[in-house]
Amino acid sequence: MSWRKVKLGEFLKNREIRFKPNDKDISGLKRIDKIDFSGEIYLSDKPSNTDMILVKKGDLVISGINVEKGAMAVYSGEEDITATIHYSSYSYNEKKISIDFLKLFLRSPEFKIALKEQVPGGIKSEIKPKHLLPLIVSIPDNPIDQNKVVSVFSKLETHSSFISNELTHQQDLVKQVRQAFLKEAMQGKLVPQILEEGEVKDLLQKIKAEKQKLKNYKELPPIKPEEIPFEIPENWVWCRLGEIAYIASGSTPSQDSFVSSGIPYLKMYNLKNQRIDFYSKPQYIKEEIHNGQLKRSRTNVGDLIMNIVGPPLGKLAIIPESLPEANFNQAGVLIRPLISIEINKWIYNYLSEMSEIDSIATKGVAGQDNISVTQTNNIKLPLPPLSEQTRIVKKLDQLMQLCDELQKSIEESKQQNELLLQQVLREALSV
């Protein structure tokens, strides 16, 4: 198989004519709404204020913004359609190029390298015909040999896809195992019961006494037998979250409250993988705002933050020691145990497992799912004696660490599988 260097413009011809959105020549034609990364074209009847191009049956259509991610397709419809000038459309010479080979090349590392070397701005630019057509690339001499490359790679891609699907299935199993461990923990089945640890009623009364000292204290409604979702050990009790914790919503101050350095201010995108990820995207507010206007939502180390505007709902994190002072916005709620910081880990694990989160949500003004502070206060949870909580949390930490390690190993395998496929593609297209 011999290869040669050619310009893409040798076998691609751009449809250069541009139309105004209200041009009679394109009146009534559907337009491309998007091309996804698998190459599926989605059409729309919605008008556009942008200049348009024409797309005919058999044309190769490319998204100028996402071509290197696979946003390209051959249009197979019978009727002409349009696309905004953020796309480009090409007829091609079948005697010189296999369209399947061309699509394979356009999502290869070799294409990205060619863009980087030959186009100012590389793949960060919106790729237009003036960038694409002059590109010099290496291809097999004829479409028959080009299709041989496609055939070999397609077999490897099918095998790689099978491996990826299996690894995704393993990730789902790990997630199910996590939830099973959490469920057993919350039902008192994860560690042995020790009668000497006593009952939790005294602890709950002590917590309630602390709660009554708070300003604006309100008694929460008792939990009715029909509200209890599952059985718990006899020395445990069911209680409401607001009975054992101080709960407050966050708030957003005016724009002039934000500064380049000051008190860390959390938004819900800072809650990632059930942890606080602040310093990758930090924001700060003035100290006087933190201690004044937003006094109610100041956080302490060990507090829990949960997002109450979704989707998704119920993202959780414990404030770490690296954030001794912080505040947060109105999409979250603060949960602070009233008597022992150790209880925060129990609450964290229970809310992580809790299937009730979505069921208690309501629709907000903007149509988003949300949970109010009142609903958060009324969340039901089982409460074991403090010493038993400690044993359960310790065991859960061990089991979750094993799940984390397994999850990491699977993720690394997925990345290696993807990199190997890209390497094979690169080698197939290198001469």
Protein backbone atom coordinates (compact mmCIF):
# COMPACT_ATOMS: atom_id res chain seq x y z
CA MET A 1 0.00 0.00 0.00
CA SER A 2 1.49 3.31 -1.09
CA TRP A 3 0.66 6.67 0.44
CA ARG A 4 0.89 10.19 -0.91
CA LYS A 5 0.72 13.72 0.45
CA VAL A 6 -2.24 15.76 -0.77
CA LYS A 7 -4.24 18.83 0.13
CA LEU A 8 -7.74 18.06 1.39
CA GLY A 9 -8.99 20.53 -1.20
CA GLU A 10 -7.88 18.07 -3.92
CA PHE A 11 -10.94 15.90 -3.27
CA LEU A 12 -13.23 18.15 -1.19
CA LYS A 13 -15.22 21.03 -2.68
CA ASN A 14 -16.80 23.58 -0.34
CA ARG A 15 -20.32 24.85 -0.95
CA GLU A 16 -19.40 28.52 -0.89
CA ILE A 17 -22.76 30.22 -1.44
CA ARG A 18 -24.08 32.04 1.62
CA PHE A 19 -27.71 32.91 2.22
CA LYS A 20 -29.33 35.48 4.45
CA PRO A 21 -31.72 33.93 7.03
CA ASN A 22 -34.78 35.31 5.20
CA ASP A 23 -33.57 34.43 1.68
CA LYS A 24 -36.42 33.00 -0.46
CA ASP A 25 -34.10 30.32 -1.90
CA ILE A 26 -33.90 28.55 1.47
CA SER A 27 -37.42 29.34 2.69
CA GLY A 28 -39.10 26.33 4.31
CA LEU A 29 -35.94 24.24 4.51
CA LYS A 30 -35.06 22.57 7.78
CA ARG A 31 -31.72 23.46 9.29
CA ILE A 32 -29.13 21.53 11.26
CA ASP A 33 -29.64 22.10 14.98
CA LYS A 34 -26.56 20.09 15.96
CA ILE A 35 -24.31 17.18 15.03
CA ASP A 36 -23.45 15.09 18.07
CA PHE A 37 -20.06 13.47 18.66
CA SER A 38 -21.27 10.15 17.24
CA GLY A 39 -22.11 11.83 13.93
CA GLU A 40 -25.90 12.01 14.32
CA ILE A 41 -27.57 15.00 12.63
CA TYR A 42 -30.46 16.71 14.44
CA LEU A 43 -32.74 19.00 12.42
CA SER A 44 -34.86 21.93 13.53
CA ASP A 45 -37.59 24.19 12.15
CA LYS A 46 -36.50 27.07 14.36
CA PRO A 47 -35.34 30.20 12.52
CA SER A 48 -31.83 31.59 12.89
CA ASN A 49 -30.46 35.12 12.64
CA THR A 50 -27.14 33.84 11.28
CA ASP A 51 -26.16 33.55 7.61
CA MET A 52 -26.75 30.08 6.22
CA ILE A 53 -25.20 27.51 3.88
CA LEU A 54 -26.92 24.84 1.80
CA VAL A 55 -26.45 21.10 2.43
CA LYS A 56 -27.34 18.50 -0.23
CA LYS A 57 -27.70 14.73 -0.11
CA GLY A 58 -24.31 13.06 0.18
CA ASP A 59 -22.51 16.15 1.49
CA LEU A 60 -19.95 15.87 4.24
CA VAL A 61 -21.05 18.34 6.92
CA ILE A 62 -18.59 19.48 9.58
CA SER A 63 -19.07 21.46 12.77
CA GLY A 64 -16.35 24.08 12.81
CA ILE A 65 -16.32 24.14 16.60
CA ASN A 66 -16.31 20.40 17.40
CA VAL A 67 -14.97 18.63 14.32
CA GLU A 68 -12.03 17.05 16.18
CA LYS A 69 -14.50 15.50 18.67
CA GLY A 70 -16.41 13.73 15.92
CA ALA A 71 -19.12 16.31 15.11
CA MET A 72 -19.30 15.51 11.41
CA ALA A 73 -21.67 13.49 9.23
CA VAL A 74 -22.64 12.60 5.69
CA TYR A 75 -26.14 13.93 5.06
CA SER A 76 -28.35 11.13 3.71
CA GLY A 77 -31.70 12.90 3.44
CA GLU A 78 -33.45 13.42 0.11
CA GLU A 79 -34.36 17.09 0.61
CA ASP A 80 -31.88 19.95 0.80
CA ILE A 81 -31.32 21.42 4.26
CA THR A 82 -29.45 24.41 5.66
CA ALA A 83 -26.87 25.03 8.35
CA THR A 84 -25.44 28.15 9.94
CA ILE A 85 -22.00 29.33 8.85
CA HIS A 86 -20.57 27.69 11.98
CA TYR A 87 -20.80 24.54 9.84
CA SER A 88 -19.26 23.83 6.45
CA SER A 89 -20.54 21.48 3.77
CA TYR A 90 -18.51 19.67 1.11
CA SER A 91 -19.10 17.52 -1.92
CA TYR A 92 -16.30 15.02 -2.50
CA ASN A 93 -14.71 12.99 -5.29
CA GLU A 94 -15.46 9.31 -4.61
CA LYS A 95 -12.75 8.25 -7.07
CA LYS A 96 -10.10 9.92 -4.91
CA ILE A 97 -11.35 9.55 -1.34
CA SER A 98 -13.32 7.04 0.69
CA ILE A 99 -15.67 9.06 2.84
CA ASP A 100 -15.35 6.49 5.67
CA PHE A 101 -11.58 6.92 5.58
CA LEU A 102 -11.94 10.70 5.59
CA LYS A 103 -14.24 10.63 8.65
CA LEU A 104 -11.78 8.29 10.36
CA PHE A 105 -8.94 10.69 9.58
CA LEU A 106 -10.85 13.75 10.83
CA ARG A 107 -11.17 12.29 14.32
CA SER A 108 -7.60 11.00 14.49
CA PRO A 109 -4.57 12.39 16.35
CA GLU A 110 -2.98 12.96 12.93
CA PHE A 111 -5.70 15.47 12.03
CA LYS A 112 -5.17 17.33 15.31
CA ILE A 113 -1.42 17.40 14.67
CA ALA A 114 -1.99 18.75 11.16
CA LEU A 115 -4.29 21.48 12.51
CA LYS A 116 -1.81 22.43 15.20
CA GLU A 117 1.07 22.64 12.74
CA GLN A 118 -0.70 24.31 9.81
CA VAL A 119 -3.53 26.43 11.27
CA PRO A 120 -2.95 29.50 13.50
CA GLY A 121 -4.70 28.68 16.76
CA GLY A 122 -4.88 24.97 15.89
CA ILE A 123 -7.91 23.07 17.19
CA LYS A 124 -8.82 26.06 19.37
CA SER A 125 -9.90 27.89 16.21
CA GLU A 126 -13.33 27.48 14.64
CA ILE A 127 -12.36 25.31 11.70
CA LYS A 128 -13.58 26.82 8.44
CA PRO A 129 -13.02 25.78 4.81
CA LYS A 130 -10.08 28.21 4.56
CA HIS A 131 -8.39 26.16 7.31
CA LEU A 132 -9.46 22.70 6.20
CA LEU A 133 -8.99 22.66 2.43
CA PRO A 134 -5.28 23.73 2.35
CA LEU A 135 -4.28 21.07 4.94
CA ILE A 136 -1.59 18.75 3.61
CA VAL A 137 -2.17 15.16 4.76
CA SER A 138 -0.95 11.67 3.92
CA ILE A 139 -3.49 9.16 2.59
CA PRO A 140 -3.36 5.82 0.75
CA ASP A 141 -3.28 6.23 -3.03
CA ASN A 142 -6.77 4.91 -3.76
CA PRO A 143 -10.13 4.39 -2.03
CA ILE A 144 -9.72 0.58 -2.02
CA ASP A 145 -6.60 0.82 0.16
CA GLN A 146 -8.23 3.54 2.23
CA ASN A 147 -11.14 1.21 2.98
CA LYS A 148 -8.72 -1.54 4.03
CA VAL A 149 -7.42 0.81 6.73
CA VAL A 150 -11.00 1.56 7.80
CA SER A 151 -11.87 -2.16 7.94
CA VAL A 152 -8.90 -3.07 10.16
CA PHE A 153 -9.52 -0.15 12.49
CA SER A 154 -13.27 -0.86 12.70
CA LYS A 155 -12.57 -4.37 14.00
CA LEU A 156 -10.23 -2.97 16.64
CA GLU A 157 -12.76 -0.27 17.52
CA THR A 158 -15.49 -2.89 18.02
CA HIS A 159 -13.24 -4.82 20.38
CA SER A 160 -12.31 -1.64 22.23
CA SER A 161 -16.00 -0.71 22.54
CA PHE A 162 -16.73 -4.13 24.06
CA ILE A 163 -13.98 -3.60 26.65
CA SER A 164 -15.25 -0.08 27.41
CA ASN A 165 -18.81 -1.35 27.91
CA GLU A 166 -17.58 -4.08 30.24
CA LEU A 167 -15.58 -1.58 32.29
CA THR A 168 -18.62 0.71 32.49
CA HIS A 169 -20.63 -2.27 33.75
CA GLN A 170 -17.97 -2.85 36.41
CA GLN A 171 -18.25 0.80 37.46
CA ASP A 172 -22.01 0.36 37.86
CA LEU A 173 -21.41 -2.71 40.00
CA VAL A 174 -19.02 -0.78 42.24
CA LYS A 175 -21.68 1.90 42.65
CA GLN A 176 -24.24 -0.75 43.60
CA VAL A 177 -21.81 -2.25 46.12
CA ARG A 178 -21.31 1.19 47.69
CA GLN A 179 -25.05 1.65 48.08
CA ALA A 180 -25.41 -1.86 49.53
CA PHE A 181 -22.77 -1.14 52.18
CA LEU A 182 -24.43 2.17 53.06
CA LYS A 183 -27.87 0.56 53.25
CA GLU A 184 -26.62 -2.18 55.57
CA ALA A 185 -24.90 0.44 57.73
CA MET A 186 -28.07 2.52 58.08
CA GLN A 187 -30.11 -0.55 59.06
CA GLY A 188 -27.65 -1.65 61.75
CA LYS A 189 -26.43 -4.70 59.81
CA LEU A 190 -22.85 -3.73 59.02
CA VAL A 191 -21.23 -4.25 62.44
CA PRO A 192 -22.26 -6.40 65.43
CA GLN A 193 -24.59 -4.90 68.03
CA ILE A 194 -23.00 -4.33 71.48
CA LEU A 195 -25.63 -4.14 74.21
CA GLU A 196 -23.23 -2.39 76.59
CA GLU A 197 -23.28 0.67 74.34
CA GLY A 198 -26.78 1.34 75.66
CA GLU A 199 -29.66 3.13 74.00
CA VAL A 200 -29.55 6.40 72.09
CA LYS A 201 -32.52 8.06 73.80
CA ASP A 202 -30.32 9.88 76.32
CA LEU A 203 -28.12 11.22 73.51
CA LEU A 204 -31.16 12.46 71.60
CA GLN A 205 -32.54 14.24 74.68
CA LYS A 206 -29.18 15.92 75.24
CA ILE A 207 -29.13 17.09 71.62
CA LYS A 208 -32.70 18.39 71.85
CA ALA A 209 -31.75 20.36 74.95
CA GLU A 210 -29.02 22.09 72.94
CA LYS A 211 -31.47 22.69 70.10
CA GLN A 212 -33.91 24.47 72.42
CA LYS A 213 -31.22 27.04 73.23
CA LEU A 214 -31.17 28.21 69.61
CA LYS A 215 -32.95 31.37 68.55
CA ASN A 216 -36.26 30.77 66.74
CA TYR A 217 -36.42 27.19 68.05
CA LYS A 218 -39.41 25.25 66.76
CA GLU A 219 -40.56 21.79 67.77
CA LEU A 220 -40.60 19.43 64.80
CA PRO A 221 -43.54 17.06 64.26
CA PRO A 222 -43.11 13.53 65.66
CA ILE A 223 -42.43 10.71 63.22
CA LYS A 224 -45.51 8.58 62.68
CA PRO A 225 -45.15 4.78 62.44
CA GLU A 226 -46.31 4.82 58.81
CA GLU A 227 -43.48 7.25 57.93
CA ILE A 228 -40.72 4.84 59.01
CA PRO A 229 -39.11 3.37 55.86
CA PHE A 230 -37.28 0.39 57.41
CA GLU A 231 -36.62 -1.38 60.69
CA ILE A 232 -33.66 -0.47 62.90
CA PRO A 233 -32.15 -2.06 66.04
CA GLU A 234 -34.14 -1.64 69.26
CA ASN A 235 -31.56 0.63 70.88
CA TRP A 236 -31.67 3.09 67.94
CA VAL A 237 -34.28 5.80 67.34
CA TRP A 238 -35.80 7.54 64.36
CA CYS A 239 -35.47 11.32 64.46
CA ARG A 240 -35.65 14.31 62.16
CA LEU A 241 -32.48 15.95 60.87
CA GLY A 242 -33.53 19.27 62.36
CA GLU A 243 -33.73 17.69 65.82
CA ILE A 244 -30.00 16.94 65.91
CA ALA A 245 -28.52 19.67 63.71
CA TYR A 246 -28.55 23.41 63.04
CA ILE A 247 -29.70 23.94 59.46
CA ALA A 248 -29.37 27.16 57.46
CA SER A 249 -29.56 28.10 53.81
CA GLY A 250 -26.88 30.06 52.00
CA SER A 251 -27.20 33.44 50.33
CA THR A 252 -25.73 35.42 47.45
CA PRO A 253 -24.50 38.93 48.25
CA SER A 254 -24.27 41.80 45.78
CA GLN A 255 -21.60 41.71 43.09
CA ASP A 256 -19.45 44.33 44.83
CA SER A 257 -19.09 41.94 47.81
CA PHE A 258 -16.71 39.75 45.80
CA VAL A 259 -12.96 40.35 46.04
CA SER A 260 -9.77 38.79 44.73
CA SER A 261 -8.85 37.49 48.19
CA GLY A 262 -10.85 37.26 51.38
CA ILE A 263 -13.30 34.72 52.81
CA PRO A 264 -13.76 31.62 50.59
CA TYR A 265 -17.22 31.57 49.05
CA LEU A 266 -18.56 28.20 47.94
CA LYS A 267 -20.83 27.54 45.00
CA MET A 268 -22.34 24.15 44.32
CA TYR A 269 -19.90 23.42 41.49
CA ASN A 270 -17.28 23.31 44.27
CA LEU A 271 -18.96 20.11 45.51
CA LYS A 272 -17.36 17.37 43.44
CA ASN A 273 -17.28 13.65 44.16
CA GLN A 274 -18.74 14.30 47.63
CA ARG A 275 -15.82 16.57 48.55
CA ILE A 276 -15.05 20.29 48.51
CA ASP A 277 -13.00 21.29 45.46
CA PHE A 278 -12.56 25.00 46.12
CA TYR A 279 -9.17 26.03 44.80
CA SER A 280 -9.69 24.85 41.20
CA LYS A 281 -12.34 27.58 40.84
CA PRO A 282 -12.17 29.88 43.90
CA GLN A 283 -14.27 32.93 44.73
CA TYR A 284 -13.95 35.22 47.74
CA ILE A 285 -16.14 37.73 49.58
CA LYS A 286 -15.29 40.60 51.91
CA GLU A 287 -14.82 39.69 55.57
CA GLU A 288 -17.40 42.29 56.68
CA ILE A 289 -20.02 40.65 54.44
CA HIS A 290 -19.11 37.24 55.85
CA ASN A 291 -19.50 38.45 59.43
CA GLY A 292 -22.44 40.74 58.74
CA GLN A 293 -24.96 40.17 55.98
CA LEU A 294 -24.07 36.46 55.61
CA LYS A 295 -23.46 35.73 59.30
CA ARG A 296 -26.10 33.01 59.38
CA SER A 297 -24.38 30.93 56.70
CA ARG A 298 -20.80 31.04 58.00
CA THR A 299 -19.36 27.53 57.99
CA ASN A 300 -17.22 25.69 60.53
CA VAL A 301 -14.81 22.83 59.93
CA GLY A 302 -16.89 19.64 60.06
CA ASP A 303 -20.13 21.21 58.83
CA LEU A 304 -21.95 19.47 56.01
CA ILE A 305 -22.96 21.31 52.86
CA MET A 306 -25.70 19.82 50.67
CA ASN A 307 -26.99 21.25 47.40
CA ILE A 308 -30.74 21.77 47.43
CA VAL A 309 -31.24 23.00 43.85
CA GLY A 310 -31.00 20.48 41.06
CA PRO A 311 -30.68 18.43 39.18
CA PRO A 312 -28.81 16.73 40.64
CA LEU A 313 -29.93 17.09 44.24
CA GLY A 314 -28.11 15.86 47.31
CA LYS A 315 -24.46 16.50 46.47
CA LEU A 316 -22.66 16.48 49.82
CA ALA A 317 -19.38 17.50 51.35
CA ILE A 318 -17.87 18.01 54.79
CA ILE A 319 -16.04 21.31 55.27
CA PRO A 320 -12.33 20.38 55.55
CA GLU A 321 -9.69 21.87 57.85
CA SER A 322 -8.22 23.65 54.81
CA LEU A 323 -11.30 25.95 54.92
CA PRO A 324 -11.46 27.16 58.53
CA GLU A 325 -13.71 30.02 57.39
CA ALA A 326 -16.10 29.97 54.45
CA ASN A 327 -19.56 30.92 53.24
CA PHE A 328 -21.84 29.57 50.53
CA ASN A 329 -24.60 30.47 48.10
CA GLN A 330 -28.36 29.95 48.15
CA ALA A 331 -28.26 26.66 46.21
CA GLY A 332 -26.89 24.91 49.31
CA VAL A 333 -27.83 24.21 52.88
CA LEU A 334 -25.58 23.97 55.94
CA ILE A 335 -26.04 21.04 58.35
CA ARG A 336 -24.21 21.39 61.68
CA PRO A 337 -24.55 18.67 64.36
CA LEU A 338 -25.49 20.24 67.69
CA ILE A 339 -23.52 18.20 70.19
CA SER A 340 -20.73 16.12 68.64
CA ILE A 341 -18.87 16.68 65.42
CA GLU A 342 -18.63 12.90 65.08
CA ILE A 343 -22.32 12.81 64.19
CA ASN A 344 -21.51 14.68 60.97
CA LYS A 345 -20.00 11.54 59.46
CA TRP A 346 -23.09 9.53 60.33
CA ILE A 347 -25.36 12.17 58.75
CA TYR A 348 -23.06 12.36 55.71
CA ASN A 349 -23.26 8.61 55.13
CA TYR A 350 -27.01 8.49 55.68
CA LEU A 351 -27.71 11.32 53.23
CA SER A 352 -25.34 9.69 50.72
CA GLU A 353 -27.50 6.55 50.78
CA MET A 354 -30.86 8.24 51.20
CA SER A 355 -33.26 7.47 48.37
CA GLU A 356 -35.77 10.01 49.69
CA ILE A 357 -33.89 13.07 48.40
CA ASP A 358 -35.57 13.26 44.98
CA SER A 359 -38.98 12.28 46.33
CA ILE A 360 -39.18 15.25 48.72
CA ALA A 361 -38.17 17.79 46.04
CA THR A 362 -40.58 20.36 44.65
CA LYS A 363 -40.47 22.51 41.53
CA GLY A 364 -39.09 26.01 42.00
CA VAL A 365 -40.01 29.20 40.18
CA ALA A 366 -37.64 28.42 37.29
CA GLY A 367 -38.88 24.82 37.06
CA GLN A 368 -35.83 23.43 38.86
CA ASP A 369 -36.10 20.71 41.47
CA ASN A 370 -35.34 22.05 44.92
CA ILE A 371 -35.55 21.21 48.61
CA SER A 372 -36.49 23.88 51.15
CA VAL A 373 -34.87 24.39 54.53
CA THR A 374 -38.14 23.18 56.11
CA GLN A 375 -37.99 19.97 54.08
CA THR A 376 -34.34 19.52 55.06
CA ASN A 377 -35.25 19.92 58.74
CA ASN A 378 -37.91 17.23 58.37
CA ILE A 379 -35.70 14.59 56.76
CA LYS A 380 -36.00 11.36 58.77
CA LEU A 381 -32.88 9.43 59.77
CA PRO A 382 -32.02 6.56 62.11
CA LEU A 383 -29.74 7.42 65.03
CA PRO A 384 -27.59 4.81 66.82
CA PRO A 385 -25.61 5.35 70.04
CA LEU A 386 -22.56 7.54 69.47
CA SER A 387 -20.05 4.73 70.07
CA GLU A 388 -21.86 2.53 67.55
CA GLN A 389 -21.88 5.37 65.05
CA THR A 390 -18.11 5.55 65.42
CA ARG A 391 -17.72 1.81 64.75
CA ILE A 392 -20.04 1.90 61.74
CA VAL A 393 -18.36 4.97 60.23
CA LYS A 394 -14.91 3.41 60.70
CA LYS A 395 -16.02 0.25 58.92
CA LEU A 396 -17.67 2.25 56.15
CA ASP A 397 -14.50 4.30 55.65
CA GLN A 398 -12.56 1.07 55.11
CA LEU A 399 -15.11 -0.32 52.67
CA MET A 400 -15.45 2.96 50.76
CA GLN A 401 -11.68 3.19 50.42
CA LEU A 402 -11.67 -0.26 48.82
CA CYS A 403 -14.43 0.89 46.46
CA ASP A 404 -12.44 4.04 45.66
CA GLU A 405 -9.38 1.97 44.79
CA LEU A 406 -11.43 -0.36 42.62
CA GLN A 407 -13.12 2.60 40.92
CA LYS A 408 -9.74 4.21 40.26
CA SER A 409 -8.37 0.99 38.78
CA ILE A 410 -11.37 0.66 36.44
CA GLU A 411 -11.10 4.31 35.38
CA GLU A 412 -7.40 3.87 34.61
CA SER A 413 -8.23 0.80 32.52
CA LYS A 414 -10.82 2.81 30.56
CA GLN A 415 -8.31 5.56 29.90
CA GLN A 416 -5.68 3.04 28.79
CA ASN A 417 -8.21 1.41 26.47
CA GLU A 418 -9.04 4.78 24.87
CA LEU A 419 -5.39 5.78 24.57
CA LEU A 420 -4.51 2.44 22.98
CA LEU A 421 -7.25 2.86 20.38
CA GLN A 422 -6.02 6.38 19.57
CA GLN A 423 -2.46 5.10 19.31
CA VAL A 424 -3.54 2.36 16.91
CA LEU A 425 -5.40 4.92 14.82
CA ARG A 426 -2.38 7.21 14.80
CA GLU A 427 -0.07 4.43 13.69
CA ALA A 428 -2.55 3.34 11.01
CA LEU A 429 -2.51 6.85 9.56
CA SER A 430 1.24 7.47 9.92
CA VAL A 431 3.70 6.86 7.11
